[in-house]
Amino acid sequence: MRAQFITAEEVQQVLDVSRSKSYQIIRELNKELKSMGYHTIAGKCPIQFFKQKFYGLEIGGESA
């Protein structure tokens, strides 16, 4: 089973940002998800949502 969530540590590596910045990014993404009515997990974000926000990919893996 492949991972469904990206952690702050992985965000730090992928985006080459500081640890505090990666947690800030996760918090902002989770805040947006909460406003859309989704439940969130602190320090983690769904990989597909992360990809959509940072790479412009649509949910389902299609290019925008």
PDB file of N, CA and C in Angstrom:
ATOM      1  N   MET A   1       0.851  -1.187   0.000  1.00  0.00           N
ATOM      2  CA  MET A   1       0.000   0.000   0.000  1.00  0.00           C
ATOM      3  C   MET A   1       0.891   1.242   0.000  1.00  0.00           C
ATOM      4  N   ARG A   2       0.621   2.142  -0.900  1.00  0.00           N
ATOM      5  CA  ARG A   2       1.439   3.358  -0.954  1.00  0.00           C
ATOM      6  C   ARG A   2       0.910   4.392   0.039  1.00  0.00           C
ATOM      7  N   ALA A   3       1.796   5.260   0.453  1.00  0.00           N
ATOM      8  CA  ALA A   3       1.459   6.273   1.456  1.00  0.00           C
ATOM      9  C   ALA A   3       0.391   7.223   0.918  1.00  0.00           C
ATOM     10  N   GLN A   4      -0.535   7.584   1.759  1.00  0.00           N
ATOM     11  CA  GLN A   4      -1.605   8.508   1.393  1.00  0.00           C
ATOM     12  C   GLN A   4      -1.330   9.937   1.869  1.00  0.00           C
ATOM     13  N   PHE A   5      -0.407  10.069   2.810  1.00  0.00           N
ATOM     14  CA  PHE A   5      -0.114  11.369   3.408  1.00  0.00           C
ATOM     15  C   PHE A   5       1.355  11.711   3.245  1.00  0.00           C
ATOM     16  N   ILE A   6       1.631  13.004   3.143  1.00  0.00           N
ATOM     17  CA  ILE A   6       3.004  13.491   3.155  1.00  0.00           C
ATOM     18  C   ILE A   6       3.228  14.153   4.506  1.00  0.00           C
ATOM     19  N   THR A   7       4.366  13.894   5.100  1.00  0.00           N
ATOM     20  CA  THR A   7       4.681  14.464   6.409  1.00  0.00           C
ATOM     21  C   THR A   7       5.450  15.774   6.246  1.00  0.00           C
ATOM     22  N   ALA A   8       5.533  16.510   7.339  1.00  0.00           N
ATOM     23  CA  ALA A   8       6.282  17.769   7.316  1.00  0.00           C
ATOM     24  C   ALA A   8       7.752  17.524   6.973  1.00  0.00           C
ATOM     25  N   GLU A   9       8.301  16.415   7.443  1.00  0.00           N
ATOM     26  CA  GLU A   9       9.691  16.089   7.138  1.00  0.00           C
ATOM     27  C   GLU A   9       9.880  15.859   5.638  1.00  0.00           C
ATOM     28  N   GLU A  10       8.911  15.198   5.010  1.00  0.00           N
ATOM     29  CA  GLU A  10       8.991  14.964   3.565  1.00  0.00           C
ATOM     30  C   GLU A  10       8.807  16.259   2.786  1.00  0.00           C
ATOM     31  N   VAL A  11       7.922  17.126   3.253  1.00  0.00           N
ATOM     32  CA  VAL A  11       7.742  18.437   2.620  1.00  0.00           C
ATOM     33  C   VAL A  11       9.049  19.215   2.684  1.00  0.00           C
ATOM     34  N   GLN A  12       9.721  19.127   3.818  1.00  0.00           N
ATOM     35  CA  GLN A  12      11.007  19.798   4.002  1.00  0.00           C
ATOM     36  C   GLN A  12      12.004  19.344   2.946  1.00  0.00           C
ATOM     37  N   GLN A  13      12.069  18.056   2.694  1.00  0.00           N
ATOM     38  CA  GLN A  13      13.006  17.516   1.711  1.00  0.00           C
ATOM     39  C   GLN A  13      12.600  17.865   0.284  1.00  0.00           C
ATOM     40  N   VAL A  14      11.317  17.703  -0.035  1.00  0.00           N
ATOM     41  CA  VAL A  14      10.835  17.932  -1.403  1.00  0.00           C
ATOM     42  C   VAL A  14      11.000  19.397  -1.811  1.00  0.00           C
ATOM     43  N   LEU A  15      10.647  20.310  -0.916  1.00  0.00           N
ATOM     44  CA  LEU A  15      10.672  21.736  -1.252  1.00  0.00           C
ATOM     45  C   LEU A  15      11.973  22.421  -0.835  1.00  0.00           C
ATOM     46  N   ASP A  16      12.841  21.703  -0.145  1.00  0.00           N
ATOM     47  CA  ASP A  16      14.115  22.245   0.339  1.00  0.00           C
ATOM     48  C   ASP A  16      13.891  23.507   1.170  1.00  0.00           C
ATOM     49  N   VAL A  17      13.037  23.361   2.182  1.00  0.00           N
ATOM     50  CA  VAL A  17      12.738  24.451   3.106  1.00  0.00           C
ATOM     51  C   VAL A  17      13.096  24.010   4.518  1.00  0.00           C
ATOM     52  N   SER A  18      13.071  24.953   5.444  1.00  0.00           N
ATOM     53  CA  SER A  18      13.380  24.626   6.840  1.00  0.00           C
ATOM     54  C   SER A  18      12.254  23.784   7.443  1.00  0.00           C
ATOM     55  N   ARG A  19      12.562  23.183   8.565  1.00  0.00           N
ATOM     56  CA  ARG A  19      11.567  22.345   9.240  1.00  0.00           C
ATOM     57  C   ARG A  19      10.365  23.190   9.674  1.00  0.00           C
ATOM     58  N   SER A  20      10.627  24.371  10.213  1.00  0.00           N
ATOM     59  CA  SER A  20       9.514  25.218  10.656  1.00  0.00           C
ATOM     60  C   SER A  20       8.652  25.663   9.476  1.00  0.00           C
ATOM     61  N   LYS A  21       9.276  25.935   8.337  1.00  0.00           N
ATOM     62  CA  LYS A  21       8.517  26.324   7.141  1.00  0.00           C
ATOM     63  C   LYS A  21       7.668  25.159   6.649  1.00  0.00           C
ATOM     64  N   SER A  22       8.203  23.948   6.710  1.00  0.00           N
ATOM     65  CA  SER A  22       7.429  22.791   6.251  1.00  0.00           C
ATOM     66  C   SER A  22       6.202  22.578   7.131  1.00  0.00           C
ATOM     67  N   TYR A  23       6.335  22.773   8.438  1.00  0.00           N
ATOM     68  CA  TYR A  23       5.171  22.654   9.328  1.00  0.00           C
ATOM     69  C   TYR A  23       4.172  23.780   9.056  1.00  0.00           C
ATOM     70  N   GLN A  24       4.663  24.959   8.734  1.00  0.00           N
ATOM     71  CA  GLN A  24       3.773  26.073   8.393  1.00  0.00           C
ATOM     72  C   GLN A  24       2.972  25.734   7.133  1.00  0.00           C
ATOM     73  N   ILE A  25       3.620  25.156   6.143  1.00  0.00           N
ATOM     74  CA  ILE A  25       2.948  24.774   4.900  1.00  0.00           C
ATOM     75  C   ILE A  25       1.870  23.735   5.187  1.00  0.00           C
ATOM     76  N   ILE A  26       2.204  22.720   5.988  1.00  0.00           N
ATOM     77  CA  ILE A  26       1.231  21.682   6.337  1.00  0.00           C
ATOM     78  C   ILE A  26       0.043  22.300   7.070  1.00  0.00           C
ATOM     79  N   ARG A  27       0.308  23.204   8.012  1.00  0.00           N
ATOM     80  CA  ARG A  27      -0.790  23.860   8.746  1.00  0.00           C
ATOM     81  C   ARG A  27      -1.700  24.629   7.798  1.00  0.00           C
ATOM     82  N   GLU A  28      -1.120  25.354   6.834  1.00  0.00           N
ATOM     83  CA  GLU A  28      -1.920  26.127   5.883  1.00  0.00           C
ATOM     84  C   GLU A  28      -2.766  25.212   5.001  1.00  0.00           C
ATOM     85  N   LEU A  29      -2.167  24.119   4.533  1.00  0.00           N
ATOM     86  CA  LEU A  29      -2.921  23.179   3.706  1.00  0.00           C
ATOM     87  C   LEU A  29      -4.045  22.537   4.512  1.00  0.00           C
ATOM     88  N   ASN A  30      -3.754  22.155   5.752  1.00  0.00           N
ATOM     89  CA  ASN A  30      -4.787  21.548   6.590  1.00  0.00           C
ATOM     90  C   ASN A  30      -5.896  22.539   6.942  1.00  0.00           C
ATOM     91  N   LYS A  31      -5.534  23.809   7.102  1.00  0.00           N
ATOM     92  CA  LYS A  31      -6.546  24.835   7.364  1.00  0.00           C
ATOM     93  C   LYS A  31      -7.500  24.939   6.174  1.00  0.00           C
ATOM     94  N   GLU A  32      -6.942  24.899   4.970  1.00  0.00           N
ATOM     95  CA  GLU A  32      -7.763  24.947   3.770  1.00  0.00           C
ATOM     96  C   GLU A  32      -8.662  23.715   3.672  1.00  0.00           C
ATOM     97  N   LEU A  33      -8.108  22.545   3.970  1.00  0.00           N
ATOM     98  CA  LEU A  33      -8.910  21.318   3.946  1.00  0.00           C
ATOM     99  C   LEU A  33     -10.047  21.385   4.966  1.00  0.00           C
ATOM    100  N   LYS A  34      -9.762  21.902   6.167  1.00  0.00           N
ATOM    101  CA  LYS A  34     -10.799  22.021   7.198  1.00  0.00           C
ATOM    102  C   LYS A  34     -11.921  22.946   6.734  1.00  0.00           C
ATOM    103  N   SER A  35     -11.552  24.036   6.063  1.00  0.00           N
ATOM    104  CA  SER A  35     -12.576  24.972   5.591  1.00  0.00           C
ATOM    105  C   SER A  35     -13.463  24.345   4.520  1.00  0.00           C
ATOM    106  N   MET A  36     -12.942  23.282   3.886  1.00  0.00           N
ATOM    107  CA  MET A  36     -13.714  22.548   2.881  1.00  0.00           C
ATOM    108  C   MET A  36     -14.516  21.409   3.509  1.00  0.00           C
ATOM    109  N   GLY A  37     -14.394  21.261   4.839  1.00  0.00           N
ATOM    110  CA  GLY A  37     -15.174  20.266   5.552  1.00  0.00           C
ATOM    111  C   GLY A  37     -14.480  18.933   5.783  1.00  0.00           C
ATOM    112  N   TYR A  38     -13.189  18.855   5.503  1.00  0.00           N
ATOM    113  CA  TYR A  38     -12.449  17.605   5.694  1.00  0.00           C
ATOM    114  C   TYR A  38     -11.810  17.554   7.077  1.00  0.00           C
ATOM    115  N   HIS A  39     -11.610  16.344   7.578  1.00  0.00           N
ATOM    116  CA  HIS A  39     -10.854  16.135   8.808  1.00  0.00           C
ATOM    117  C   HIS A  39      -9.377  16.131   8.448  1.00  0.00           C
ATOM    118  N   THR A  40      -8.535  16.588   9.360  1.00  0.00           N
ATOM    119  CA  THR A  40      -7.100  16.648   9.088  1.00  0.00           C
ATOM    120  C   THR A  40      -6.317  15.989  10.218  1.00  0.00           C
ATOM    121  N   ILE A  41      -5.047  15.705   9.950  1.00  0.00           N
ATOM    122  CA  ILE A  41      -4.130  15.148  10.935  1.00  0.00           C
ATOM    123  C   ILE A  41      -2.959  16.118  11.035  1.00  0.00           C
ATOM    124  N   ALA A  42      -2.656  16.551  12.256  1.00  0.00           N
ATOM    125  CA  ALA A  42      -1.563  17.496  12.466  1.00  0.00           C
ATOM    126  C   ALA A  42      -0.249  16.917  11.962  1.00  0.00           C
ATOM    127  N   GLY A  43       0.503  17.725  11.215  1.00  0.00           N
ATOM    128  CA  GLY A  43       1.817  17.311  10.726  1.00  0.00           C
ATOM    129  C   GLY A  43       1.785  16.459   9.473  1.00  0.00           C
ATOM    130  N   LYS A  44       0.581  16.223   8.938  1.00  0.00           N
ATOM    131  CA  LYS A  44       0.445  15.422   7.716  1.00  0.00           C
ATOM    132  C   LYS A  44      -0.601  16.048   6.810  1.00  0.00           C
ATOM    133  N   CYS A  45      -0.451  15.779   5.514  1.00  0.00           N
ATOM    134  CA  CYS A  45      -1.391  16.301   4.522  1.00  0.00           C
ATOM    135  C   CYS A  45      -1.554  15.240   3.446  1.00  0.00           C
ATOM    136  N   PRO A  46      -2.751  15.097   2.889  1.00  0.00           N
ATOM    137  CA  PRO A  46      -2.908  14.142   1.789  1.00  0.00           C
ATOM    138  C   PRO A  46      -1.964  14.478   0.634  1.00  0.00           C
ATOM    139  N   ILE A  47      -1.268  13.476   0.137  1.00  0.00           N
ATOM    140  CA  ILE A  47      -0.284  13.681  -0.931  1.00  0.00           C
ATOM    141  C   ILE A  47      -0.927  14.309  -2.165  1.00  0.00           C
ATOM    142  N   GLN A  48      -2.097  13.842  -2.550  1.00  0.00           N
ATOM    143  CA  GLN A  48      -2.752  14.367  -3.748  1.00  0.00           C
ATOM    144  C   GLN A  48      -3.067  15.852  -3.607  1.00  0.00           C
ATOM    145  N   PHE A  49      -3.507  16.287  -2.419  1.00  0.00           N
ATOM    146  CA  PHE A  49      -3.799  17.709  -2.200  1.00  0.00           C
ATOM    147  C   PHE A  49      -2.514  18.529  -2.262  1.00  0.00           C
ATOM    148  N   PHE A  50      -1.441  18.011  -1.671  1.00  0.00           N
ATOM    149  CA  PHE A  50      -0.140  18.674  -1.732  1.00  0.00           C
ATOM    150  C   PHE A  50       0.304  18.845  -3.185  1.00  0.00           C
ATOM    151  N   LYS A  51       0.210  17.787  -3.973  1.00  0.00           N
ATOM    152  CA  LYS A  51       0.614  17.844  -5.381  1.00  0.00           C
ATOM    153  C   LYS A  51      -0.245  18.831  -6.154  1.00  0.00           C
ATOM    154  N   GLN A  52      -1.531  18.852  -5.869  1.00  0.00           N
ATOM    155  CA  GLN A  52      -2.434  19.779  -6.551  1.00  0.00           C
ATOM    156  C   GLN A  52      -2.035  21.223  -6.264  1.00  0.00           C
ATOM    157  N   LYS A  53      -1.709  21.524  -5.016  1.00  0.00           N
ATOM    158  CA  LYS A  53      -1.390  22.889  -4.638  1.00  0.00           C
ATOM    159  C   LYS A  53      -0.006  23.340  -5.104  1.00  0.00           C
ATOM    160  N   PHE A  54       0.963  22.428  -5.135  1.00  0.00           N
ATOM    161  CA  PHE A  54       2.330  22.833  -5.464  1.00  0.00           C
ATOM    162  C   PHE A  54       2.736  22.531  -6.897  1.00  0.00           C
ATOM    163  N   TYR A  55       2.092  21.590  -7.525  1.00  0.00           N
ATOM    164  CA  TYR A  55       2.479  21.221  -8.888  1.00  0.00           C
ATOM    165  C   TYR A  55       1.360  21.444  -9.896  1.00  0.00           C
ATOM    166  N   GLY A  56       0.201  21.904  -9.422  1.00  0.00           N
ATOM    167  CA  GLY A  56      -0.903  22.178 -10.324  1.00  0.00           C
ATOM    168  C   GLY A  56      -1.561  20.940 -10.888  1.00  0.00           C
ATOM    169  N   LEU A  57      -1.412  19.811 -10.196  1.00  0.00           N
ATOM    170  CA  LEU A  57      -2.016  18.563 -10.668  1.00  0.00           C
ATOM    171  C   LEU A  57      -3.439  18.472 -10.155  1.00  0.00           C
ATOM    172  N   GLU A  58      -4.307  17.959 -10.976  1.00  0.00           N
ATOM    173  CA  GLU A  58      -5.690  17.740 -10.577  1.00  0.00           C
ATOM    174  C   GLU A  58      -5.768  16.473  -9.749  1.00  0.00           C
ATOM    175  N   ILE A  59      -6.748  16.392  -8.875  1.00  0.00           N
ATOM    176  CA  ILE A  59      -6.975  15.160  -8.127  1.00  0.00           C
ATOM    177  C   ILE A  59      -7.258  14.053  -9.128  1.00  0.00           C
ATOM    178  N   GLY A  60      -6.572  12.949  -8.993  1.00  0.00           N
ATOM    179  CA  GLY A  60      -6.690  11.862  -9.950  1.00  0.00           C
ATOM    180  C   GLY A  60      -5.445  11.774 -10.823  1.00  0.00           C
ATOM    181  N   GLY A  61      -4.511  12.716 -10.686  1.00  0.00           N
ATOM    182  CA  GLY A  61      -3.231  12.652 -11.371  1.00  0.00           C
ATOM    183  C   GLY A  61      -3.179  13.283 -12.750  1.00  0.00           C
ATOM    184  N   GLU A  62      -4.230  13.949 -13.199  1.00  0.00           N
ATOM    185  CA  GLU A  62      -4.228  14.581 -14.516  1.00  0.00           C
ATOM    186  C   GLU A  62      -3.573  15.948 -14.431  1.00  0.00           C
ATOM    187  N   SER A  63      -2.914  16.347 -15.480  1.00  0.00           N
ATOM    188  CA  SER A  63      -2.276  17.671 -15.523  1.00  0.00           C
ATOM    189  C   SER A  63      -3.323  18.751 -15.664  1.00  0.00           C
ATOM    190  N   ALA A  64      -3.030  19.903 -15.105  1.00  0.00           N
ATOM    191  CA  ALA A  64      -3.950  21.034 -15.206  1.00  0.00           C
ATOM    192  C   ALA A  64      -3.721  21.786 -16.486  1.00  0.00           C
TER     193      ALA A  64
END
